[in-house]
Protein backbone atom coordinates (compact mmCIF):
# COMPACT_ATOMS: atom_id res chain seq x y z
CA UNK A 1 -229.97 -79.52 -219.75
CA UNK A 2 -227.50 -82.36 -220.14
CA UNK A 3 -224.59 -80.84 -217.97
CA UNK A 4 -227.23 -80.14 -215.47
CA UNK A 5 -228.90 -83.19 -215.50
CA UNK A 6 -225.69 -84.97 -215.01
CA UNK A 7 -224.54 -82.60 -212.10
CA UNK A 8 -228.02 -83.06 -210.46
CA UNK A 9 -227.77 -86.78 -210.83
CA UNK A 10 -224.47 -87.03 -209.05
CA UNK A 11 -225.61 -84.68 -206.24
CA UNK A 12 -228.94 -86.71 -206.10
CA UNK A 13 -227.12 -90.02 -205.97
CA UNK A 14 -224.87 -88.70 -203.21
CA UNK A 15 -227.59 -87.07 -201.22
CA UNK A 16 -229.50 -90.29 -201.19
CA UNK A 17 -227.13 -92.43 -199.92
CA UNK A 18 -225.84 -89.79 -197.51
CA UNK A 19 -229.45 -89.35 -196.26
CA UNK A 20 -230.26 -93.07 -196.08
CA UNK A 21 -227.11 -93.69 -194.00
CA UNK A 22 -228.08 -90.69 -191.86
CA UNK A 23 -231.33 -92.22 -191.34
CA UNK A 24 -229.60 -95.56 -190.29
CA UNK A 25 -227.44 -93.47 -188.28
CA UNK A 26 -230.41 -92.27 -186.25
CA UNK A 27 -231.89 -95.69 -185.77
CA UNK A 28 -228.72 -96.67 -184.09
CA UNK A 29 -228.65 -93.42 -181.82
CA UNK A 30 -232.25 -93.90 -180.96
CA UNK A 31 -231.42 -97.48 -179.86
CA UNK A 32 -228.55 -96.16 -177.73
CA UNK A 33 -230.36 -93.26 -175.99
CA UNK A 34 -234.31 -93.53 -176.62
CA UNK A 35 -236.47 -91.13 -178.29
CA UNK A 36 -238.55 -89.42 -175.76
CA UNK A 37 -236.90 -88.51 -172.53
CA UNK A 38 -234.69 -85.92 -170.85
CA UNK A 39 -231.25 -87.60 -171.87
CA UNK A 40 -232.12 -87.71 -175.59
CA UNK A 41 -233.38 -83.92 -175.46
CA UNK A 42 -230.19 -83.09 -173.54
CA UNK A 43 -227.98 -84.65 -176.31
CA UNK A 44 -230.33 -83.15 -179.12
CA UNK A 45 -229.75 -79.75 -178.08
CA UNK A 46 -225.97 -80.15 -177.53
CA UNK A 47 -225.52 -81.88 -180.99
CA UNK A 48 -227.65 -79.13 -182.46
CA UNK A 49 -225.61 -76.12 -181.18
CA UNK A 50 -222.62 -76.56 -183.56
CA UNK A 51 -225.14 -76.93 -186.30
CA UNK A 52 -226.90 -73.73 -185.44
CA UNK A 53 -223.32 -71.75 -185.65
CA UNK A 54 -222.60 -73.69 -188.81
CA UNK A 55 -225.67 -72.36 -190.29
CA UNK A 56 -224.63 -68.74 -189.40
CA UNK A 57 -221.46 -69.44 -191.26
CA UNK A 58 -222.68 -71.20 -194.19
CA UNK A 59 -226.19 -69.46 -195.24
CA UNK A 60 -224.93 -66.05 -193.64
CA UNK A 61 -221.74 -65.77 -195.60
CA UNK A 62 -220.96 -68.64 -197.71
CA UNK A 63 -223.71 -69.40 -199.98
CA UNK A 64 -225.22 -65.97 -200.24
CA UNK A 65 -222.02 -64.03 -200.43
CA UNK A 66 -218.52 -65.95 -200.88
CA UNK A 67 -219.52 -68.35 -203.62
CA UNK A 68 -220.81 -65.71 -206.17
CA UNK A 69 -217.36 -63.96 -205.41
CA UNK A 70 -215.41 -67.00 -206.08
CA UNK A 71 -217.34 -67.48 -209.31
CA UNK A 72 -216.57 -63.84 -210.30
CA UNK A 73 -212.88 -64.41 -209.03
CA UNK A 74 -212.24 -67.19 -211.82
CA UNK A 75 -211.84 -63.96 -214.29
CA UNK A 76 -208.66 -63.09 -212.29
CA UNK A 77 -205.35 -63.53 -214.29
CA UNK A 78 -204.67 -66.32 -211.53
CA UNK A 79 -207.96 -67.95 -211.90
CA UNK A 80 -208.90 -66.70 -208.59
CA UNK A 81 -206.12 -68.64 -206.61
CA UNK A 82 -204.91 -65.38 -204.53
CA UNK A 83 -208.80 -64.50 -203.83
CA UNK A 84 -209.42 -68.01 -202.49
CA UNK A 85 -206.30 -68.49 -200.37
CA UNK A 86 -207.19 -64.89 -198.64
CA UNK A 87 -210.61 -66.11 -198.06
CA UNK A 88 -209.61 -69.55 -196.54
CA UNK A 89 -207.27 -68.00 -194.15
CA UNK A 90 -209.71 -65.74 -192.99
CA UNK A 91 -212.26 -68.25 -192.66
CA UNK A 92 -210.17 -70.82 -190.82
CA UNK A 93 -209.33 -67.85 -188.18
CA UNK A 94 -212.96 -67.06 -188.01
CA UNK A 95 -214.01 -70.71 -187.24
CA UNK A 96 -211.37 -71.00 -184.67
CA UNK A 97 -212.51 -68.08 -182.78
CA UNK A 98 -216.24 -69.05 -183.16
CA UNK A 99 -215.48 -72.58 -181.85
CA UNK A 100 -213.40 -71.29 -178.86
CA UNK A 101 -216.29 -68.91 -177.75
CA UNK A 102 -218.95 -71.41 -178.21
CA UNK A 103 -216.92 -73.75 -175.93
CA UNK A 104 -216.75 -71.07 -173.25
CA UNK A 105 -220.25 -70.47 -173.37
CA UNK A 106 -221.52 -73.97 -173.32
CA UNK A 107 -223.39 -73.82 -170.28
CA UNK A 108 -225.16 -70.57 -171.17
CA UNK A 109 -225.99 -71.85 -174.47
CA UNK A 110 -227.42 -75.06 -173.13
CA UNK A 111 -229.44 -73.19 -170.75
CA UNK A 112 -230.76 -70.74 -173.29
CA UNK A 113 -232.01 -73.40 -175.49
CA UNK A 114 -233.63 -75.65 -172.67
CA UNK A 115 -234.93 -73.27 -170.16
CA UNK A 116 -237.22 -75.91 -168.84
CA UNK A 117 -234.75 -78.75 -168.40
CA UNK A 118 -233.96 -79.98 -164.83
CA UNK A 119 -230.56 -79.09 -163.19
CA UNK A 120 -229.39 -82.59 -163.89
CA UNK A 121 -230.41 -82.51 -167.39
CA UNK A 122 -228.65 -79.03 -167.90
CA UNK A 123 -225.60 -80.63 -166.71
CA UNK A 124 -225.84 -83.51 -168.80
CA UNK A 125 -226.40 -81.25 -171.77
CA UNK A 126 -223.35 -79.09 -170.92
CA UNK A 127 -221.28 -82.22 -170.95
CA UNK A 128 -222.50 -83.34 -174.13
CA UNK A 129 -221.96 -79.82 -175.66
CA UNK A 130 -218.20 -79.67 -174.85
CA UNK A 131 -217.83 -82.65 -176.85
CA UNK A 132 -219.87 -81.47 -179.61
CA UNK A 133 -219.19 -77.92 -180.26
CA UNK A 134 -215.75 -78.42 -181.75
CA UNK A 135 -217.73 -79.61 -184.61
CA UNK A 136 -218.08 -75.71 -185.44
CA UNK A 137 -214.37 -75.88 -186.76
CA UNK A 138 -214.72 -79.04 -188.88
CA UNK A 139 -218.37 -77.97 -190.24
CA UNK A 140 -216.91 -74.65 -191.40
CA UNK A 141 -214.05 -76.03 -193.26
CA UNK A 142 -216.29 -78.61 -194.76
CA UNK A 143 -218.59 -75.85 -196.09
CA UNK A 144 -215.98 -73.61 -197.20
CA UNK A 145 -214.10 -76.32 -199.25
CA UNK A 146 -217.52 -77.86 -200.54
CA UNK A 147 -219.02 -74.51 -201.40
CA UNK A 148 -215.93 -73.75 -203.35
CA UNK A 149 -215.75 -77.06 -205.32
CA UNK A 150 -219.41 -76.51 -206.34
CA UNK A 151 -218.53 -72.96 -207.44
CA UNK A 152 -215.77 -74.67 -209.59
CA UNK A 153 -218.54 -77.06 -210.93
CA UNK A 154 -217.06 -80.04 -208.98
CA UNK A 155 -220.36 -81.18 -207.28
CA UNK A 156 -219.66 -84.75 -206.19
CA UNK A 157 -217.53 -84.67 -203.29
CA UNK A 158 -219.51 -82.16 -201.25
CA UNK A 159 -222.53 -84.65 -201.38
CA UNK A 160 -220.69 -87.87 -200.95
CA UNK A 161 -218.39 -86.83 -198.02
CA UNK A 162 -221.27 -86.90 -195.30
CA UNK A 163 -221.49 -90.73 -195.91
CA UNK A 164 -218.18 -91.23 -194.06
CA UNK A 165 -219.57 -89.27 -191.17
CA UNK A 166 -222.46 -91.40 -190.99
CA UNK A 167 -220.51 -94.71 -191.16
CA UNK A 168 -218.29 -93.36 -188.31
CA UNK A 169 -221.15 -92.33 -186.15
CA UNK A 170 -222.91 -95.61 -186.67
CA UNK A 171 -219.77 -97.65 -185.73
CA UNK A 172 -219.17 -95.44 -182.78
CA UNK A 173 -223.00 -95.79 -181.62
CA UNK A 174 -222.89 -99.57 -181.92
CA UNK A 175 -219.61 -99.57 -179.71
CA UNK A 176 -221.69 -97.49 -177.32
CA UNK A 177 -224.59 -99.80 -177.21
CA UNK A 178 -222.02 -102.96 -176.95
CA UNK A 179 -220.22 -101.17 -173.96
CA UNK A 180 -223.17 -99.62 -171.99
CA UNK A 181 -226.54 -101.20 -173.30
CA UNK A 182 -229.17 -99.13 -175.00
CA UNK A 183 -232.22 -96.93 -174.44
CA UNK A 184 -230.52 -94.83 -171.67
CA UNK A 185 -233.29 -91.87 -171.74
CA UNK A 186 -232.73 -91.28 -167.92
CA UNK A 187 -230.30 -88.72 -166.84
CA UNK A 188 -229.09 -90.59 -163.78
CA UNK A 189 -227.95 -93.50 -166.15
CA UNK A 190 -225.01 -91.35 -167.60
CA UNK A 191 -221.42 -91.22 -166.61
CA UNK A 192 -218.22 -89.01 -168.12
CA UNK A 193 -216.96 -92.36 -170.06
CA UNK A 194 -220.40 -92.87 -171.85
CA UNK A 195 -220.51 -88.91 -172.56
CA UNK A 196 -217.12 -89.17 -173.91
CA UNK A 197 -217.91 -92.09 -176.23
CA UNK A 198 -221.26 -90.59 -177.64
CA UNK A 199 -220.16 -86.91 -177.97
CA UNK A 200 -216.64 -87.90 -179.25
CA UNK A 201 -217.98 -90.27 -181.98
CA UNK A 202 -220.39 -87.33 -183.21
CA UNK A 203 -217.49 -84.86 -183.57
CA UNK A 204 -215.04 -87.41 -185.03
CA UNK A 205 -217.54 -88.17 -187.84
CA UNK A 206 -217.59 -84.33 -188.75
CA UNK A 207 -213.83 -84.10 -188.58
CA UNK A 208 -213.44 -87.02 -191.02
CA UNK A 209 -215.94 -85.74 -193.22
CA UNK A 210 -214.08 -82.30 -193.79
CA UNK A 211 -210.77 -84.11 -194.29
CA UNK A 212 -212.25 -86.30 -196.83
CA UNK A 213 -213.41 -83.19 -198.72
CA UNK A 214 -210.36 -81.64 -198.36
CA UNK A 215 -208.59 -84.49 -200.31
CA UNK A 216 -210.83 -83.49 -203.61
CA UNK A 217 -209.35 -80.00 -203.66
CA UNK A 218 -206.58 -80.99 -206.20
CA UNK A 219 -209.42 -81.46 -208.77
CA UNK A 220 -209.78 -77.63 -208.71
CA UNK A 221 -206.30 -77.08 -209.83
CA UNK A 222 -205.70 -74.16 -207.17
CA UNK A 223 -202.90 -74.31 -204.73
CA UNK A 224 -203.86 -73.00 -201.26
CA UNK A 225 -201.36 -71.15 -199.01
CA UNK A 226 -201.86 -69.11 -195.82
CA UNK A 227 -202.39 -65.44 -196.86
CA UNK A 228 -202.98 -62.65 -194.37
CA UNK A 229 -202.80 -59.95 -196.92
CA UNK A 230 -206.53 -59.11 -196.74
CA UNK A 231 -206.38 -55.74 -198.23
CA UNK A 232 -207.67 -55.51 -201.74
CA UNK A 233 -209.65 -58.71 -201.55
CA UNK A 234 -212.88 -56.84 -201.29
CA UNK A 235 -213.76 -57.41 -197.52
CA UNK A 236 -215.70 -54.25 -197.39
CA UNK A 237 -217.98 -55.25 -200.18
CA UNK A 238 -218.20 -58.88 -198.90
CA UNK A 239 -218.89 -57.36 -195.46
CA UNK A 240 -221.76 -54.99 -196.76
CA UNK A 241 -223.37 -58.08 -198.60
CA UNK A 242 -222.79 -60.63 -195.57
CA UNK A 243 -224.10 -58.18 -193.09
CA UNK A 244 -227.59 -58.50 -194.34
CA UNK A 245 -227.59 -62.18 -194.59
CA UNK A 246 -225.67 -62.82 -191.16
CA UNK A 247 -228.30 -60.62 -189.56
CA UNK A 248 -231.01 -62.68 -191.49
CA UNK A 249 -229.51 -65.95 -190.18
CA UNK A 250 -229.24 -64.67 -186.76
CA UNK A 251 -233.00 -63.65 -186.65
CA UNK A 252 -233.86 -67.20 -188.09
CA UNK A 253 -231.83 -68.81 -185.02
CA UNK A 254 -233.61 -66.52 -182.66
CA UNK A 255 -236.90 -67.74 -184.02
CA UNK A 256 -235.73 -71.10 -183.62
CA UNK A 257 -234.48 -70.69 -180.05
CA UNK A 258 -238.11 -69.47 -179.35
CA UNK A 259 -239.35 -72.64 -180.66
CA UNK A 260 -236.72 -74.87 -178.61
CA UNK A 261 -237.50 -73.03 -175.26
CA UNK A 262 -241.39 -73.16 -175.88
CA UNK A 263 -241.19 -77.08 -176.90
CA UNK A 264 -238.70 -77.81 -173.71
CA UNK A 265 -241.73 -77.73 -171.63
CA UNK A 266 -242.72 -81.11 -173.19
CA UNK A 267 -239.42 -83.00 -172.58
CA UNK A 268 -239.38 -86.01 -170.75
CA UNK A 269 -243.24 -87.03 -171.36
CA UNK A 270 -244.06 -85.88 -175.07
CA UNK A 271 -242.39 -85.37 -178.23
CA UNK A 272 -239.97 -82.48 -177.83
CA UNK A 273 -236.64 -81.25 -179.36
CA UNK A 274 -234.96 -84.52 -180.10
CA UNK A 275 -238.12 -85.98 -181.87
CA UNK A 276 -238.63 -82.88 -183.88
CA UNK A 277 -234.83 -83.01 -184.59
CA UNK A 278 -235.36 -86.61 -186.21
CA UNK A 279 -238.55 -85.68 -188.04
CA UNK A 280 -236.63 -82.86 -189.48
CA UNK A 281 -234.21 -85.53 -190.97
CA UNK A 282 -236.77 -87.27 -192.63
CA UNK A 283 -238.45 -84.00 -194.07
CA UNK A 284 -234.81 -82.97 -195.21
CA UNK A 285 -234.67 -86.24 -197.38
CA UNK A 286 -236.63 -85.25 -200.29
CA UNK A 287 -235.54 -81.57 -200.07
CA UNK A 288 -231.80 -82.42 -200.07
CA UNK A 289 -232.40 -85.22 -202.80
CA UNK A 290 -234.35 -83.08 -205.07
CA UNK A 291 -234.49 -79.37 -204.25
CA UNK A 292 -230.61 -79.17 -203.52
CA UNK A 293 -229.46 -81.49 -205.86
CA UNK A 294 -231.30 -80.04 -208.59
CA UNK A 295 -231.06 -76.45 -207.59
CA UNK A 296 -227.38 -76.09 -206.75
CA UNK A 297 -226.24 -76.65 -210.39
CA UNK A 298 -228.80 -74.34 -211.32
CA UNK A 299 -227.48 -71.85 -208.92
CA UNK A 300 -224.06 -71.92 -210.38
CA UNK A 301 -225.29 -71.00 -213.85
CA UNK A 302 -227.79 -68.54 -212.43
CA UNK A 303 -224.94 -66.89 -210.86
CA UNK A 304 -222.92 -66.94 -214.04
CA UNK A 305 -225.99 -65.45 -216.22
CA UNK A 306 -226.65 -62.90 -213.45
CA UNK A 307 -222.81 -62.01 -213.51
CA UNK A 308 -223.14 -61.29 -217.31
CA UNK A 309 -226.50 -59.67 -217.18
CA UNK A 310 -228.43 -62.05 -219.11
CA UNK A 311 -231.70 -61.53 -217.30
CA UNK A 312 -233.91 -63.53 -219.66
CA UNK A 313 -231.84 -66.48 -219.28
CA UNK A 314 -231.94 -66.04 -215.61
CA UNK A 315 -235.86 -65.85 -215.68
CA UNK A 316 -235.75 -69.16 -217.68
CA UNK A 317 -233.30 -70.78 -215.25
CA UNK A 318 -235.37 -70.02 -212.17
CA UNK A 319 -238.86 -71.13 -213.76
CA UNK A 320 -237.26 -74.59 -215.17
CA UNK A 321 -235.57 -75.28 -211.90
CA UNK A 322 -238.79 -74.64 -209.96
CA UNK A 323 -240.87 -76.96 -212.20
CA UNK A 324 -238.15 -79.59 -212.24
CA UNK A 325 -238.02 -79.47 -208.51
CA UNK A 326 -241.60 -79.54 -207.91
CA UNK A 327 -242.33 -82.57 -209.69
CA UNK A 328 -240.41 -84.60 -207.45
CA UNK A 329 -241.10 -82.50 -204.14
CA UNK A 330 -245.14 -82.85 -204.47
CA UNK A 331 -245.00 -86.55 -204.73
CA UNK A 332 -242.55 -86.95 -201.91
CA UNK A 333 -245.04 -84.95 -199.59
CA UNK A 334 -247.91 -87.47 -200.70
CA UNK A 335 -245.69 -90.48 -200.08
CA UNK A 336 -244.38 -89.26 -196.68
CA UNK A 337 -247.79 -88.16 -195.48
CA UNK A 338 -249.26 -91.44 -196.41
CA UNK A 339 -246.35 -93.29 -194.45
CA UNK A 340 -246.06 -90.79 -191.86
CA UNK A 341 -246.44 -93.46 -188.97
CA UNK A 342 -244.08 -96.25 -190.53
CA UNK A 343 -241.64 -93.31 -191.54
CA UNK A 344 -241.63 -92.05 -188.06
CA UNK A 345 -241.26 -95.43 -186.55
CA UNK A 346 -237.80 -95.79 -188.26
CA UNK A 347 -236.69 -93.55 -185.27
CA UNK A 348 -238.75 -94.42 -182.56
CA UNK A 349 -238.52 -97.35 -180.27
CA UNK A 350 -242.48 -98.36 -180.52
CA UNK A 351 -245.57 -97.83 -182.56
CA UNK A 352 -246.94 -95.61 -179.75
CA UNK A 353 -243.97 -93.28 -180.15
CA UNK A 354 -244.43 -93.28 -183.85
CA UNK A 355 -248.16 -92.38 -183.75
CA UNK A 356 -246.96 -89.36 -181.32
CA UNK A 357 -244.18 -88.30 -183.66
CA UNK A 358 -245.92 -88.73 -187.05
CA UNK A 359 -247.96 -85.36 -186.50
CA UNK A 360 -244.79 -83.63 -186.18
CA UNK A 361 -243.27 -85.06 -189.39
CA UNK A 362 -246.58 -84.12 -191.32
CA UNK A 363 -246.60 -80.47 -189.75
CA UNK A 364 -243.28 -80.14 -191.54
CA UNK A 365 -244.10 -81.58 -194.68
CA UNK A 366 -246.85 -78.75 -195.27
CA UNK A 367 -243.99 -76.51 -195.78
CA UNK A 368 -241.74 -78.78 -198.02
CA UNK A 369 -242.76 -77.11 -201.62
CA UNK A 370 -242.40 -73.63 -200.13
CA UNK A 371 -239.15 -74.26 -198.74
CA UNK A 372 -238.04 -75.85 -202.11
CA UNK A 373 -239.33 -73.02 -204.06
CA UNK A 374 -237.85 -70.53 -201.58
CA UNK A 375 -234.17 -72.26 -201.99
CA UNK A 376 -234.42 -71.43 -205.54
CA UNK A 377 -235.47 -67.81 -205.39
CA UNK A 378 -233.45 -66.82 -202.57
CA UNK A 379 -230.31 -67.99 -204.06
CA UNK A 380 -231.44 -65.96 -207.32
CA UNK A 381 -231.54 -62.71 -205.27
CA UNK A 382 -227.93 -63.64 -203.98
CA UNK A 383 -226.69 -64.05 -207.53
CA UNK A 384 -227.35 -60.53 -208.23
CA UNK A 385 -225.45 -59.46 -205.02
CA UNK A 386 -228.87 -58.40 -203.15
CA UNK A 387 -228.88 -59.92 -199.67
CA UNK A 388 -230.98 -56.97 -198.19
CA UNK A 389 -234.07 -58.06 -199.88
CA UNK A 390 -233.99 -61.79 -198.60
CA UNK A 391 -233.14 -60.26 -195.20
CA UNK A 392 -236.67 -58.31 -194.91
CA UNK A 393 -238.73 -61.05 -196.30
CA UNK A 394 -237.03 -63.45 -193.76
CA UNK A 395 -237.99 -61.06 -190.95
CA UNK A 396 -241.59 -61.33 -191.79
CA UNK A 397 -241.25 -65.35 -191.50
CA UNK A 398 -239.32 -65.02 -188.10
CA UNK A 399 -242.06 -62.60 -186.55
CA UNK A 400 -244.73 -65.06 -187.63
CA UNK A 401 -242.70 -68.12 -186.14
CA UNK A 402 -242.07 -66.34 -182.84
CA UNK A 403 -245.63 -65.01 -182.72
CA UNK A 404 -247.23 -68.51 -183.37
CA UNK A 405 -244.93 -70.21 -180.84
CA UNK A 406 -245.74 -67.90 -178.04
CA UNK A 407 -249.43 -68.22 -178.62
CA UNK A 408 -249.59 -72.13 -179.45
CA UNK A 409 -249.16 -73.10 -175.79
CA UNK A 410 -252.07 -71.43 -174.75
CA UNK A 411 -254.32 -73.47 -176.89
CA UNK A 412 -252.30 -76.64 -177.68
CA UNK A 413 -251.72 -79.62 -175.07
CA UNK A 414 -248.25 -80.69 -174.31
CA UNK A 415 -248.82 -83.94 -176.22
CA UNK A 416 -249.13 -81.97 -179.58
CA UNK A 417 -246.97 -78.98 -178.83
CA UNK A 418 -244.17 -80.08 -181.12
CA UNK A 419 -246.71 -80.79 -184.13
CA UNK A 420 -248.30 -77.33 -183.50
CA UNK A 421 -244.78 -75.78 -183.47
CA UNK A 422 -243.80 -77.68 -186.78
CA UNK A 423 -246.86 -76.71 -188.54
CA UNK A 424 -246.51 -73.16 -187.57
CA UNK A 425 -243.16 -73.22 -189.16
CA UNK A 426 -244.37 -74.39 -192.33
CA UNK A 427 -247.19 -71.55 -192.53
CA UNK A 428 -244.69 -68.95 -191.91
CA UNK A 429 -242.47 -70.59 -194.61
CA UNK A 430 -245.26 -70.27 -197.08
CA UNK A 431 -245.91 -66.55 -196.44
CA UNK A 432 -242.09 -66.17 -196.73
CA UNK A 433 -242.26 -67.91 -200.19
CA UNK A 434 -244.96 -66.04 -201.65
CA UNK A 435 -243.51 -62.60 -200.79
CA UNK A 436 -240.01 -63.74 -202.25
CA UNK A 437 -241.63 -65.07 -205.47
CA UNK A 438 -243.59 -61.92 -205.93
CA UNK A 439 -240.73 -59.57 -205.20
CA UNK A 440 -238.33 -61.49 -207.62
CA UNK A 441 -240.93 -61.55 -210.24
CA UNK A 442 -241.02 -57.74 -210.11
CA UNK A 443 -237.28 -57.38 -210.11
CA UNK A 444 -236.93 -59.49 -213.14
CA UNK A 445 -239.88 -58.55 -215.21
CA UNK A 446 -241.37 -62.12 -215.11
CA UNK A 447 -240.65 -65.62 -213.96
CA UNK A 448 -243.01 -67.69 -216.31
CA UNK A 449 -245.30 -67.83 -213.55
CA UNK A 450 -248.30 -68.95 -215.39
CA UNK A 451 -246.55 -72.02 -216.82
CA UNK A 452 -245.07 -72.85 -213.63
CA UNK A 453 -248.13 -72.72 -211.60
CA UNK A 454 -250.03 -74.84 -214.35
CA UNK A 455 -247.26 -77.26 -214.04
CA UNK A 456 -247.49 -77.32 -210.15
CA UNK A 457 -251.28 -77.86 -210.54
CA UNK A 458 -251.04 -80.91 -212.51
CA UNK A 459 -248.69 -82.44 -209.84
CA UNK A 460 -251.12 -81.74 -207.16
CA UNK A 461 -254.06 -83.17 -209.06
CA UNK A 462 -251.68 -86.32 -209.56
CA UNK A 463 -250.59 -86.26 -205.98
CA UNK A 464 -254.08 -86.50 -204.34
CA UNK A 465 -255.32 -89.93 -205.80
CA UNK A 466 -251.76 -91.00 -205.49
CA UNK A 467 -251.53 -90.24 -201.68
CA UNK A 468 -255.14 -91.59 -201.11
CA UNK A 469 -253.68 -94.78 -202.58
CA UNK A 470 -250.71 -94.42 -200.30
CA UNK A 471 -252.87 -94.23 -197.28
CA UNK A 472 -255.04 -96.79 -198.35
CA UNK A 473 -252.03 -99.24 -198.60
CA UNK A 474 -251.10 -98.18 -195.06
CA UNK A 475 -254.58 -99.03 -193.90
CA UNK A 476 -254.29 -102.46 -195.73
CA UNK A 477 -251.07 -103.11 -193.89
CA UNK A 478 -252.83 -102.69 -190.66
CA UNK A 479 -252.33 -99.11 -189.78
CA UNK A 480 -250.80 -98.26 -186.53
CA UNK A 481 -251.21 -101.66 -185.28
CA UNK A 482 -250.13 -103.48 -188.32
CA UNK A 483 -246.48 -104.81 -189.29
CA UNK A 484 -245.42 -101.67 -190.79
CA UNK A 485 -245.13 -99.98 -187.23
CA UNK A 486 -244.09 -103.13 -185.36
CA UNK A 487 -240.29 -102.39 -185.90
CA UNK A 488 -237.73 -100.18 -187.25
CA UNK A 489 -236.81 -102.21 -190.12
CA UNK A 490 -240.56 -102.97 -190.90
CA UNK A 491 -240.97 -99.45 -190.55
CA UNK A 492 -238.52 -98.85 -193.40
CA UNK A 493 -240.08 -101.56 -195.48
CA UNK A 494 -243.62 -100.50 -194.93
CA UNK A 495 -242.50 -96.72 -195.94
CA UNK A 496 -240.99 -98.17 -199.30
CA UNK A 497 -244.24 -100.01 -199.90
CA UNK A 498 -246.37 -97.02 -199.39
CA UNK A 499 -244.24 -94.63 -201.22
CA UNK A 500 -243.84 -97.02 -204.01
CA UNK A 501 -247.47 -97.25 -204.58
CA UNK A 502 -247.72 -93.63 -204.26
CA UNK A 503 -245.27 -92.97 -206.85
CA UNK A 504 -246.95 -95.39 -209.41
CA UNK A 505 -250.24 -93.83 -209.11
CA UNK A 506 -248.66 -90.32 -209.31
CA UNK A 507 -246.76 -91.50 -212.67
CA UNK A 508 -249.69 -92.95 -214.06
CA UNK A 509 -251.86 -89.89 -213.71
CA UNK A 510 -249.24 -87.54 -215.03
CA UNK A 511 -248.81 -89.91 -218.26
CA UNK A 512 -252.71 -89.67 -218.51
CA UNK A 513 -252.45 -85.72 -218.43
CA UNK A 514 -249.53 -86.04 -220.76
CA UNK A 515 -247.45 -83.81 -218.39
CA UNK A 516 -244.69 -82.41 -220.55
CA UNK A 517 -242.39 -82.14 -217.12
CA UNK A 518 -241.94 -86.17 -217.39
CA UNK A 519 -239.42 -85.37 -220.02
CA UNK A 520 -237.40 -83.57 -217.23
CA UNK A 521 -237.74 -86.47 -214.99
CA UNK A 522 -236.42 -89.04 -217.42
CA UNK A 523 -233.41 -86.89 -218.32
CA UNK A 524 -232.65 -86.65 -214.73
CA UNK A 525 -233.20 -90.39 -213.83
CA UNK A 526 -231.43 -91.43 -216.98
CA UNK A 527 -228.02 -90.15 -215.15
CA UNK A 528 -228.72 -92.80 -212.55
CA UNK A 529 -228.68 -95.77 -214.71
CA UNK A 530 -225.50 -97.43 -215.75
CA UNK A 531 -224.59 -97.09 -219.50
CA UNK A 532 -224.72 -100.11 -221.57
C-alpha cells in the first residue's frame, strides 16, 4: 500500500496542478473567443479532432494492448529493449501516417462533426483544423512514451508534462488577446493571422509536452533505436488483441460523432459543442485526480499479478482500488453538483451563460462514479489479454448513446439539448459499468462486491447531507445572482468555498459512521504532505 500510495500521490499532485492550469487555460481561451457562438464551436471541433484520433491510438492500442506486452517484455534477456524499440519505430510511422491522412481529410472531418454549421463556420473550422491536426503526431508520441514510463513504474513525468502545454497555451492565448482583443465569437471577426496564432499555439503546447516527456526516458535505462525488423515482435498477437479495442474505440467515436452532429443544431444560440467540451474538462478534474491517479499504479500491479496467474490477488486489487477511488469520487460529485453554477462560471463570460451551462456539467456528473469504476474494471480485462469482452460491452453503451441522441431532439428544446445529451451519456455509461462488473465478477469468481457496495453506500449516505450543505452555502452566497457567479475568479473562489463545506460535512459524517476507508484516504493524503 505504501508504494501504491506514493505513486498515487505523485500522479494525483501532478494531475491536480495540470488540471488547474488547464482550467486557467480554458478561462483565457473563453476570454479570447467566447463560450457560446459559431466561432467557439468551430475551434472546439477543430481542436477536438486530434483528440479523437489520439483516443483511437491510446485507448484502442496502447493502454489495452501494448502496456501489458511491455510489462511482459521485462522478462526478456535485454529487459524488453528490442521489443520497445520495434514498437516505437512502428508507432512513429503509424502516427505520421494518421496525421497526414487527417490533414488531407480536414474539410470532410469538420463537415462530418458539424453538419449544421453555416458555410462560413465550416470554412473557419477547416482553417483551424489544418493548424490543430498535427497534434496527432505529438499526442501519439506523448502517449507511447508516457505509457511505457508507467509500465516501468515511472509515474510522475506522464502526469506533470501537460503543465508545460497549459503554460504555453495560456501565454499564447494572452498574446492573442493583446494583439486582437477578446470575445471573438462571430465568424466574420477572424482572419488568417488570428487563426494561425490561436491554432498554432494549441499545437505548439502539445509538441513541447511530448518533448519534455522524452527527456524523462533516460530514467528507464533503455536505449531506443530505429528498428524495422518487426518479425518476431508478436505483431500478429498484438493485432488480434488490438483489433477488438480499436473497433471498440471507433464505435465510441461514432457514437460521439452522432452526439456532435445532433448538438450542432444548437450552435450560435445555446450551449453546444464548445460548452460541452468545457463542462467535460471540469467533469474530468476529479476523474483524473482520483480515478486515474489511484487506478494507474493499481493497473500496473494488476497486470503483474494477472501475468503470474494470481487471480485471488487480482480480486483484492480490484476491490480495494474501487473502494479507494469511490471514497473521493462520491464527494467530488456532491461538491460539483452543489457548485455547478460557480464552477461553470469559470469558463463562461456571464452569469447567464453559467446558468445555461451548469445543467450540462450536472448531466455529466451523474456518470462520474460509473465511469471511474469502469476505468478499473475494463483495465482488469486488458491485464488478462481480453479485449473482446470490453468490446461487446461497449457496443451496448454506444447503442444506447446513439439511440437516445436521435430521440432527444424530438422532446427537448435546443436550450437544453446539450444537457440532455450529457445525461444520456451518463445513463449509457452506468449500464456499461453494471454489465462489466457482472461479467468480471463471474470471470474471477468474486470481487468482494458485498464489502464494496457497503463502502459505497456509506459514501453516498455521507454525501447527501454534504451536498445539501454545499447547495445551502451556494444559496447563502446569493445563488445565480450572488458574488460567486459574478466573475470567473469569484466563480473559482465560490466553488472552493462550496466544495470545502461539502468535503468537511462529508468527512464528519464518515467519522461518525467510523468508515474504515478513511485510513486509505489518510495514507494517500499523507503522501502530499512534506516530511518534517
